[in-house]
């Protein structure tokens, strides 16, 4: 459940957003205020997940409010003015809603915030979990595998071979089970039989990925995974515009 707070000197605007929050599953209204100074004090106590903030207000503008905000709440500008879009971008705000605000546009904004929170949770999990234990050849032997040590993972019938630094560990699990545990920000499946550690990529030549090592390991990029892999590479590529 996401808690919301509304700061707007126009009562009508507060009423509209209040109705939208009530209509939307997963949202709850923590409070609202027409006075930004009072609203700021209440926000500091409540610390809501999302603040819907007007810009042009007497006593304190939305920009001034934003600069004085110390909470980690997501902020959404709600305004009839288009001139502050750059300000919203600079402060990495969740969204910028232009009045009159439609319910469809409101839902789109909430979807963005939910996606951002989910991404933040995933990143926190990745930071907190940078290794796993796996049962290897001997049933009584559990081996710790650090993410950073993995070069690539290879599927072999009903087993996988985890190549890490200068050693190999064979485990009786599927490649998909390994992939589901690894962060997709660092690891990529490029073939039905291979997962690679993106940090170990030395070069890409045609449809071959070369991984770092004394003799760079070449792994073919499978047709099924080619498009998604090169899209990921493109997002990290420095190009001349």
C-alpha atoms as a PDB file:
ATOM      1  CA  UNK A   1       0.000   0.000   0.000  1.00  0.00           C
ATOM      2  CA  UNK A   2       1.442   3.375  -1.075  1.00  0.00           C
ATOM      3  CA  UNK A   3       0.620   6.403   1.075  1.00  0.00           C
ATOM      4  CA  UNK A   4      -0.036   9.711  -0.705  1.00  0.00           C
ATOM      5  CA  UNK A   5      -0.041  13.343   0.386  1.00  0.00           C
ATOM      6  CA  UNK A   6      -1.441  16.271  -1.630  1.00  0.00           C
ATOM      7  CA  UNK A   7      -0.206  19.871  -1.423  1.00  0.00           C
ATOM      8  CA  UNK A   8      -2.202  22.345  -3.520  1.00  0.00           C
ATOM      9  CA  UNK A   9      -3.671  25.752  -2.745  1.00  0.00           C
ATOM     10  CA  UNK A  10      -6.697  24.973  -4.956  1.00  0.00           C
ATOM     11  CA  UNK A  11      -9.325  22.936  -3.121  1.00  0.00           C
ATOM     12  CA  UNK A  12     -10.777  21.661  -6.392  1.00  0.00           C
ATOM     13  CA  UNK A  13      -7.417  20.204  -7.412  1.00  0.00           C
ATOM     14  CA  UNK A  14      -7.109  18.490  -4.014  1.00  0.00           C
ATOM     15  CA  UNK A  15     -10.615  17.047  -4.399  1.00  0.00           C
ATOM     16  CA  UNK A  16      -9.807  15.596  -7.833  1.00  0.00           C
ATOM     17  CA  UNK A  17      -6.648  13.854  -6.638  1.00  0.00           C
ATOM     18  CA  UNK A  18      -8.377  12.683  -3.464  1.00  0.00           C
ATOM     19  CA  UNK A  19     -11.026  10.932  -5.589  1.00  0.00           C
ATOM     20  CA  UNK A  20      -8.343   9.409  -7.829  1.00  0.00           C
ATOM     21  CA  UNK A  21      -6.466   8.014  -4.830  1.00  0.00           C
ATOM     22  CA  UNK A  22      -9.688   6.541  -3.429  1.00  0.00           C
ATOM     23  CA  UNK A  23     -10.463   4.867  -6.775  1.00  0.00           C
ATOM     24  CA  UNK A  24      -7.033   3.286  -7.128  1.00  0.00           C
ATOM     25  CA  UNK A  25      -6.237  -0.043  -5.433  1.00  0.00           C
ATOM     26  CA  UNK A  26      -2.992  -0.024  -3.503  1.00  0.00           C
ATOM     27  CA  UNK A  27      -3.156   3.685  -2.623  1.00  0.00           C
ATOM     28  CA  UNK A  28      -4.142   5.410   0.597  1.00  0.00           C
ATOM     29  CA  UNK A  29      -4.428   9.113   1.341  1.00  0.00           C
ATOM     30  CA  UNK A  30      -2.183  10.075   4.271  1.00  0.00           C
ATOM     31  CA  UNK A  31      -3.308  13.717   4.178  1.00  0.00           C
ATOM     32  CA  UNK A  32      -3.591  16.936   2.187  1.00  0.00           C
ATOM     33  CA  UNK A  33      -3.214  20.661   2.724  1.00  0.00           C
ATOM     34  CA  UNK A  34      -3.883  23.910   0.859  1.00  0.00           C
ATOM     35  CA  UNK A  35      -1.083  25.630   2.750  1.00  0.00           C
ATOM     36  CA  UNK A  36       2.396  24.485   1.604  1.00  0.00           C
ATOM     37  CA  UNK A  37       4.104  25.553   4.869  1.00  0.00           C
ATOM     38  CA  UNK A  38       1.726  23.474   6.978  1.00  0.00           C
ATOM     39  CA  UNK A  39       1.901  20.689   4.406  1.00  0.00           C
ATOM     40  CA  UNK A  40       5.693  20.590   4.638  1.00  0.00           C
ATOM     41  CA  UNK A  41       5.535  20.180   8.410  1.00  0.00           C
ATOM     42  CA  UNK A  42       2.989  17.370   8.106  1.00  0.00           C
ATOM     43  CA  UNK A  43       4.995  15.611   5.410  1.00  0.00           C
ATOM     44  CA  UNK A  44       8.037  15.619   7.681  1.00  0.00           C
ATOM     45  CA  UNK A  45       5.987  13.772  10.299  1.00  0.00           C
ATOM     46  CA  UNK A  46       4.072  11.413   8.009  1.00  0.00           C
ATOM     47  CA  UNK A  47       6.841  10.702   5.436  1.00  0.00           C
ATOM     48  CA  UNK A  48       4.442   9.508   2.700  1.00  0.00           C
ATOM     49  CA  UNK A  49       5.514   7.396  -0.269  1.00  0.00           C
ATOM     50  CA  UNK A  50       4.248   9.919  -2.842  1.00  0.00           C
ATOM     51  CA  UNK A  51       3.727  13.695  -2.629  1.00  0.00           C
ATOM     52  CA  UNK A  52       1.513  15.351  -5.246  1.00  0.00           C
ATOM     53  CA  UNK A  53       2.839  18.899  -5.258  1.00  0.00           C
ATOM     54  CA  UNK A  54       1.503  22.025  -6.951  1.00  0.00           C
ATOM     55  CA  UNK A  55       4.090  24.589  -8.073  1.00  0.00           C
ATOM     56  CA  UNK A  56       2.421  28.015  -8.170  1.00  0.00           C
ATOM     57  CA  UNK A  57       1.285  28.553  -4.559  1.00  0.00           C
ATOM     58  CA  UNK A  58       1.264  31.605  -2.248  1.00  0.00           C
ATOM     59  CA  UNK A  59       3.653  31.612   0.712  1.00  0.00           C
ATOM     60  CA  UNK A  60       5.891  28.885  -0.689  1.00  0.00           C
ATOM     61  CA  UNK A  61       6.221  27.632  -4.246  1.00  0.00           C
ATOM     62  CA  UNK A  62       6.436  23.961  -5.082  1.00  0.00           C
ATOM     63  CA  UNK A  63      10.088  24.460  -6.068  1.00  0.00           C
ATOM     64  CA  UNK A  64      10.891  25.972  -2.642  1.00  0.00           C
ATOM     65  CA  UNK A  65       8.945  23.142  -1.001  1.00  0.00           C
ATOM     66  CA  UNK A  66      11.003  20.624  -2.944  1.00  0.00           C
ATOM     67  CA  UNK A  67      14.305  22.237  -1.914  1.00  0.00           C
ATOM     68  CA  UNK A  68      13.303  22.100   1.760  1.00  0.00           C
ATOM     69  CA  UNK A  69      12.137  18.501   1.611  1.00  0.00           C
ATOM     70  CA  UNK A  70      14.418  16.071   3.436  1.00  0.00           C
ATOM     71  CA  UNK A  71      12.189  12.994   3.199  1.00  0.00           C
ATOM     72  CA  UNK A  72      12.807  10.313   0.570  1.00  0.00           C
ATOM     73  CA  UNK A  73       9.249  10.561  -0.729  1.00  0.00           C
ATOM     74  CA  UNK A  74       8.628  10.422  -4.463  1.00  0.00           C
ATOM     75  CA  UNK A  75       7.455  13.841  -5.687  1.00  0.00           C
ATOM     76  CA  UNK A  76       5.038  14.445  -8.554  1.00  0.00           C
ATOM     77  CA  UNK A  77       4.492  18.001  -9.777  1.00  0.00           C
ATOM     78  CA  UNK A  78       0.811  18.771 -10.430  1.00  0.00           C
ATOM     79  CA  UNK A  79       0.471  22.068 -12.271  1.00  0.00           C
ATOM     80  CA  UNK A  80      -1.092  23.929 -15.169  1.00  0.00           C
ATOM     81  CA  UNK A  81       2.356  25.325 -16.038  1.00  0.00           C
ATOM     82  CA  UNK A  82       4.665  23.672 -18.560  1.00  0.00           C
ATOM     83  CA  UNK A  83       7.669  25.871 -17.765  1.00  0.00           C
ATOM     84  CA  UNK A  84       8.899  23.679 -14.900  1.00  0.00           C
ATOM     85  CA  UNK A  85       9.336  20.423 -16.814  1.00  0.00           C
ATOM     86  CA  UNK A  86      13.114  20.949 -16.866  1.00  0.00           C
ATOM     87  CA  UNK A  87      13.098  21.481 -13.091  1.00  0.00           C
ATOM     88  CA  UNK A  88      11.274  18.179 -12.673  1.00  0.00           C
ATOM     89  CA  UNK A  89      13.853  16.458 -14.865  1.00  0.00           C
ATOM     90  CA  UNK A  90      16.796  17.954 -12.938  1.00  0.00           C
ATOM     91  CA  UNK A  91      15.397  16.714  -9.623  1.00  0.00           C
ATOM     92  CA  UNK A  92      14.605  13.292 -11.108  1.00  0.00           C
ATOM     93  CA  UNK A  93      10.958  13.538 -10.093  1.00  0.00           C
ATOM     94  CA  UNK A  94       8.677  10.579 -10.619  1.00  0.00           C
ATOM     95  CA  UNK A  95       6.343  12.480 -12.942  1.00  0.00           C
ATOM     96  CA  UNK A  96       4.979  15.843 -14.073  1.00  0.00           C
ATOM     97  CA  UNK A  97       1.182  15.991 -14.305  1.00  0.00           C
ATOM     98  CA  UNK A  98      -0.400  18.849 -16.223  1.00  0.00           C
ATOM     99  CA  UNK A  99      -3.823  20.081 -15.106  1.00  0.00           C
ATOM    100  CA  UNK A 100      -6.556  19.186 -15.787  1.00  0.00           C
ATOM    101  CA  UNK A 101      -5.312  15.718 -14.806  1.00  0.00           C
ATOM    102  CA  UNK A 102      -7.183  12.771 -16.277  1.00  0.00           C
ATOM    103  CA  UNK A 103      -7.570   9.571 -14.294  1.00  0.00           C
ATOM    104  CA  UNK A 104      -5.821   7.639 -17.078  1.00  0.00           C
ATOM    105  CA  UNK A 105      -2.775   9.923 -16.798  1.00  0.00           C
ATOM    106  CA  UNK A 106      -2.884   9.575 -13.002  1.00  0.00           C
ATOM    107  CA  UNK A 107      -2.820   5.764 -13.288  1.00  0.00           C
ATOM    108  CA  UNK A 108       0.142   5.991 -15.654  1.00  0.00           C
ATOM    109  CA  UNK A 109       1.983   8.047 -13.043  1.00  0.00           C
ATOM    110  CA  UNK A 110       1.266   5.520 -10.294  1.00  0.00           C
ATOM    111  CA  UNK A 111       2.457   2.719 -12.552  1.00  0.00           C
ATOM    112  CA  UNK A 112       5.773   4.522 -13.012  1.00  0.00           C
ATOM    113  CA  UNK A 113       6.228   4.895  -9.286  1.00  0.00           C
ATOM    114  CA  UNK A 114       5.414   1.246  -8.620  1.00  0.00           C
ATOM    115  CA  UNK A 115       7.951   0.241 -11.288  1.00  0.00           C
ATOM    116  CA  UNK A 116      10.579   2.516  -9.747  1.00  0.00           C
ATOM    117  CA  UNK A 117      10.000   1.076  -6.274  1.00  0.00           C
ATOM    118  CA  UNK A 118      10.170  -2.481  -7.619  1.00  0.00           C
ATOM    119  CA  UNK A 119      13.455  -1.665  -9.356  1.00  0.00           C
ATOM    120  CA  UNK A 120      14.860  -0.133  -6.161  1.00  0.00           C
ATOM    121  CA  UNK A 121      13.901  -3.238  -4.191  1.00  0.00           C
ATOM    122  CA  UNK A 122      15.568  -5.443  -6.794  1.00  0.00           C
ATOM    123  CA  UNK A 123      18.767  -3.389  -6.666  1.00  0.00           C
ATOM    124  CA  UNK A 124      18.789  -3.557  -2.873  1.00  0.00           C
ATOM    125  CA  UNK A 125      18.406  -7.342  -3.045  1.00  0.00           C
ATOM    126  CA  UNK A 126      21.266  -7.576  -5.534  1.00  0.00           C
ATOM    127  CA  UNK A 127      23.513  -5.490  -3.297  1.00  0.00           C
ATOM    128  CA  UNK A 128      22.598  -7.548  -0.256  1.00  0.00           C
ATOM    129  CA  UNK A 129      22.995 -10.896  -2.041  1.00  0.00           C
ATOM    130  CA  UNK A 130      26.163 -11.238  -4.085  1.00  0.00           C
ATOM    131  CA  UNK A 131      26.740 -14.970  -3.715  1.00  0.00           C
ATOM    132  CA  UNK A 132      24.941 -18.284  -3.407  1.00  0.00           C
ATOM    133  CA  UNK A 133      25.652 -21.811  -2.181  1.00  0.00           C
ATOM    134  CA  UNK A 134      25.258 -24.764  -4.519  1.00  0.00           C
ATOM    135  CA  UNK A 135      25.570 -28.510  -4.028  1.00  0.00           C
ATOM    136  CA  UNK A 136      28.330 -29.842  -6.255  1.00  0.00           C
ATOM    137  CA  UNK A 137      29.579 -33.312  -7.315  1.00  0.00           C
ATOM    138  CA  UNK A 138      29.729 -34.658  -3.793  1.00  0.00           C
ATOM    139  CA  UNK A 139      26.257 -34.599  -2.261  1.00  0.00           C
ATOM    140  CA  UNK A 140      27.657 -33.512   1.074  1.00  0.00           C
ATOM    141  CA  UNK A 141      29.663 -30.660  -0.447  1.00  0.00           C
ATOM    142  CA  UNK A 142      28.178 -27.160  -0.595  1.00  0.00           C
ATOM    143  CA  UNK A 143      30.280 -24.601  -2.464  1.00  0.00           C
ATOM    144  CA  UNK A 144      29.987 -20.845  -2.135  1.00  0.00           C
ATOM    145  CA  UNK A 145      29.855 -19.109  -5.515  1.00  0.00           C
ATOM    146  CA  UNK A 146      30.522 -15.359  -5.574  1.00  0.00           C
ATOM    147  CA  UNK A 147      28.772 -13.542  -8.413  1.00  0.00           C
ATOM    148  CA  UNK A 148      31.894 -11.574  -9.260  1.00  0.00           C
ATOM    149  CA  UNK A 149      33.958 -14.761  -9.642  1.00  0.00           C
ATOM    150  CA  UNK A 150      31.682 -16.279 -12.276  1.00  0.00           C
ATOM    151  CA  UNK A 151      32.919 -16.024 -15.853  1.00  0.00           C
ATOM    152  CA  UNK A 152      30.127 -18.035 -17.437  1.00  0.00           C
ATOM    153  CA  UNK A 153      27.730 -20.891 -16.736  1.00  0.00           C
ATOM    154  CA  UNK A 154      27.407 -23.772 -19.166  1.00  0.00           C
ATOM    155  CA  UNK A 155      24.578 -26.279 -19.452  1.00  0.00           C
ATOM    156  CA  UNK A 156      25.495 -29.941 -19.883  1.00  0.00           C
ATOM    157  CA  UNK A 157      22.536 -32.314 -20.121  1.00  0.00           C
ATOM    158  CA  UNK A 158      20.998 -32.272 -16.607  1.00  0.00           C
ATOM    159  CA  UNK A 159      23.954 -30.441 -15.074  1.00  0.00           C
ATOM    160  CA  UNK A 160      25.539 -27.021 -15.215  1.00  0.00           C
ATOM    161  CA  UNK A 161      29.222 -26.171 -15.108  1.00  0.00           C
ATOM    162  CA  UNK A 162      29.965 -22.945 -13.280  1.00  0.00           C
ATOM    163  CA  UNK A 163      33.214 -21.509 -14.600  1.00  0.00           C
ATOM    164  CA  UNK A 164      34.724 -19.183 -12.020  1.00  0.00           C
ATOM    165  CA  UNK A 165      38.242 -17.846 -12.257  1.00  0.00           C
ATOM    166  CA  UNK A 166      40.451 -20.913 -12.756  1.00  0.00           C
ATOM    167  CA  UNK A 167      38.088 -23.564 -11.457  1.00  0.00           C
ATOM    168  CA  UNK A 168      34.900 -25.353 -12.436  1.00  0.00           C
ATOM    169  CA  UNK A 169      32.029 -26.525 -10.279  1.00  0.00           C
ATOM    170  CA  UNK A 170      29.499 -29.028 -11.563  1.00  0.00           C
ATOM    171  CA  UNK A 171      26.013 -28.887 -10.042  1.00  0.00           C
ATOM    172  CA  UNK A 172      22.874 -30.940 -10.637  1.00  0.00           C
ATOM    173  CA  UNK A 173      20.553 -28.009 -11.428  1.00  0.00           C
ATOM    174  CA  UNK A 174      19.174 -26.420 -14.594  1.00  0.00           C
ATOM    175  CA  UNK A 175      20.509 -23.370 -16.372  1.00  0.00           C
ATOM    176  CA  UNK A 176      17.185 -21.593 -15.808  1.00  0.00           C
ATOM    177  CA  UNK A 177      17.419 -22.146 -12.049  1.00  0.00           C
ATOM    178  CA  UNK A 178      20.822 -20.474 -12.075  1.00  0.00           C
ATOM    179  CA  UNK A 179      19.572 -17.624 -14.287  1.00  0.00           C
ATOM    180  CA  UNK A 180      16.596 -16.938 -12.017  1.00  0.00           C
ATOM    181  CA  UNK A 181      18.957 -16.466  -9.077  1.00  0.00           C
ATOM    182  CA  UNK A 182      21.446 -14.165 -10.825  1.00  0.00           C
ATOM    183  CA  UNK A 183      20.828 -10.392 -11.267  1.00  0.00           C
ATOM    184  CA  UNK A 184      19.943  -9.558 -14.878  1.00  0.00           C
ATOM    185  CA  UNK A 185      21.862  -6.298 -14.516  1.00  0.00           C
ATOM    186  CA  UNK A 186      25.088  -8.335 -14.452  1.00  0.00           C
ATOM    187  CA  UNK A 187      24.339 -11.645 -16.184  1.00  0.00           C
ATOM    188  CA  UNK A 188      22.874 -12.442 -19.604  1.00  0.00           C
ATOM    189  CA  UNK A 189      21.757 -15.633 -21.282  1.00  0.00           C
ATOM    190  CA  UNK A 190      23.182 -15.482 -24.802  1.00  0.00           C
ATOM    191  CA  UNK A 191      22.601 -19.097 -25.835  1.00  0.00           C
ATOM    192  CA  UNK A 192      20.368 -21.980 -24.798  1.00  0.00           C
ATOM    193  CA  UNK A 193      23.445 -23.472 -23.111  1.00  0.00           C
ATOM    194  CA  UNK A 194      25.289 -20.399 -21.815  1.00  0.00           C
ATOM    195  CA  UNK A 195      24.927 -17.550 -19.312  1.00  0.00           C
ATOM    196  CA  UNK A 196      27.738 -14.994 -19.254  1.00  0.00           C
ATOM    197  CA  UNK A 197      28.913 -12.443 -16.710  1.00  0.00           C
ATOM    198  CA  UNK A 198      28.659  -9.085 -18.516  1.00  0.00           C
ATOM    199  CA  UNK A 199      31.609  -7.792 -16.486  1.00  0.00           C
ATOM    200  CA  UNK A 200      33.809 -10.449 -18.098  1.00  0.00           C
ATOM    201  CA  UNK A 201      33.102  -9.453 -21.703  1.00  0.00           C
ATOM    202  CA  UNK A 202      36.364  -8.656 -23.471  1.00  0.00           C
ATOM    203  CA  UNK A 203      34.985  -8.042 -26.968  1.00  0.00           C
ATOM    204  CA  UNK A 204      32.169  -8.893 -29.357  1.00  0.00           C
ATOM    205  CA  UNK A 205      33.020  -9.987 -32.875  1.00  0.00           C
ATOM    206  CA  UNK A 206      30.085 -10.758 -35.146  1.00  0.00           C
ATOM    207  CA  UNK A 207      27.987 -13.266 -33.245  1.00  0.00           C
ATOM    208  CA  UNK A 208      30.776 -14.302 -30.884  1.00  0.00           C
ATOM    209  CA  UNK A 209      31.340 -12.979 -27.365  1.00  0.00           C
ATOM    210  CA  UNK A 210      34.897 -13.170 -26.079  1.00  0.00           C
ATOM    211  CA  UNK A 211      35.342 -13.337 -22.310  1.00  0.00           C
ATOM    212  CA  UNK A 212      38.439 -12.146 -20.483  1.00  0.00           C
ATOM    213  CA  UNK A 213      41.194 -14.569 -19.644  1.00  0.00           C
ATOM    214  CA  UNK A 214      44.713 -15.584 -20.699  1.00  0.00           C
ATOM    215  CA  UNK A 215      43.088 -16.922 -23.839  1.00  0.00           C
ATOM    216  CA  UNK A 216      39.707 -15.167 -24.236  1.00  0.00           C
ATOM    217  CA  UNK A 217      36.871 -17.703 -24.258  1.00  0.00           C
ATOM    218  CA  UNK A 218      34.637 -17.409 -27.348  1.00  0.00           C
ATOM    219  CA  UNK A 219      30.926 -18.162 -26.905  1.00  0.00           C
ATOM    220  CA  UNK A 220      28.417 -18.051 -29.742  1.00  0.00           C
ATOM    221  CA  UNK A 221      25.312 -15.878 -29.425  1.00  0.00           C
ATOM    222  CA  UNK A 222      22.230 -17.983 -30.110  1.00  0.00           C
ATOM    223  CA  UNK A 223      19.658 -16.755 -32.597  1.00  0.00           C
ATOM    224  CA  UNK A 224      16.893 -16.702 -29.956  1.00  0.00           C
ATOM    225  CA  UNK A 225      18.889 -14.462 -27.626  1.00  0.00           C
ATOM    226  CA  UNK A 226      20.615 -12.247 -30.203  1.00  0.00           C
ATOM    227  CA  UNK A 227      18.173  -9.339 -30.268  1.00  0.00           C
ATOM    228  CA  UNK A 228      17.857  -8.945 -26.486  1.00  0.00           C
ATOM    229  CA  UNK A 229      21.626  -9.229 -26.027  1.00  0.00           C
ATOM    230  CA  UNK A 230      22.473  -6.581 -28.596  1.00  0.00           C
ATOM    231  CA  UNK A 231      19.748  -4.295 -27.200  1.00  0.00           C
ATOM    232  CA  UNK A 232      21.475  -4.560 -23.818  1.00  0.00           C
ATOM    233  CA  UNK A 233      24.848  -3.852 -25.432  1.00  0.00           C
ATOM    234  CA  UNK A 234      23.395  -0.858 -27.280  1.00  0.00           C
ATOM    235  CA  UNK A 235      22.209   0.696 -24.002  1.00  0.00           C
ATOM    236  CA  UNK A 236      25.803   0.655 -22.775  1.00  0.00           C
ATOM    237  CA  UNK A 237      27.458   1.709 -26.030  1.00  0.00           C
ATOM    238  CA  UNK A 238      29.161   5.062 -26.496  1.00  0.00           C
ATOM    239  CA  UNK A 239      28.344   6.386 -29.939  1.00  0.00           C
ATOM    240  CA  UNK A 240      28.967   9.544 -31.878  1.00  0.00           C
ATOM    241  CA  UNK A 241      25.689  11.386 -32.537  1.00  0.00           C
END
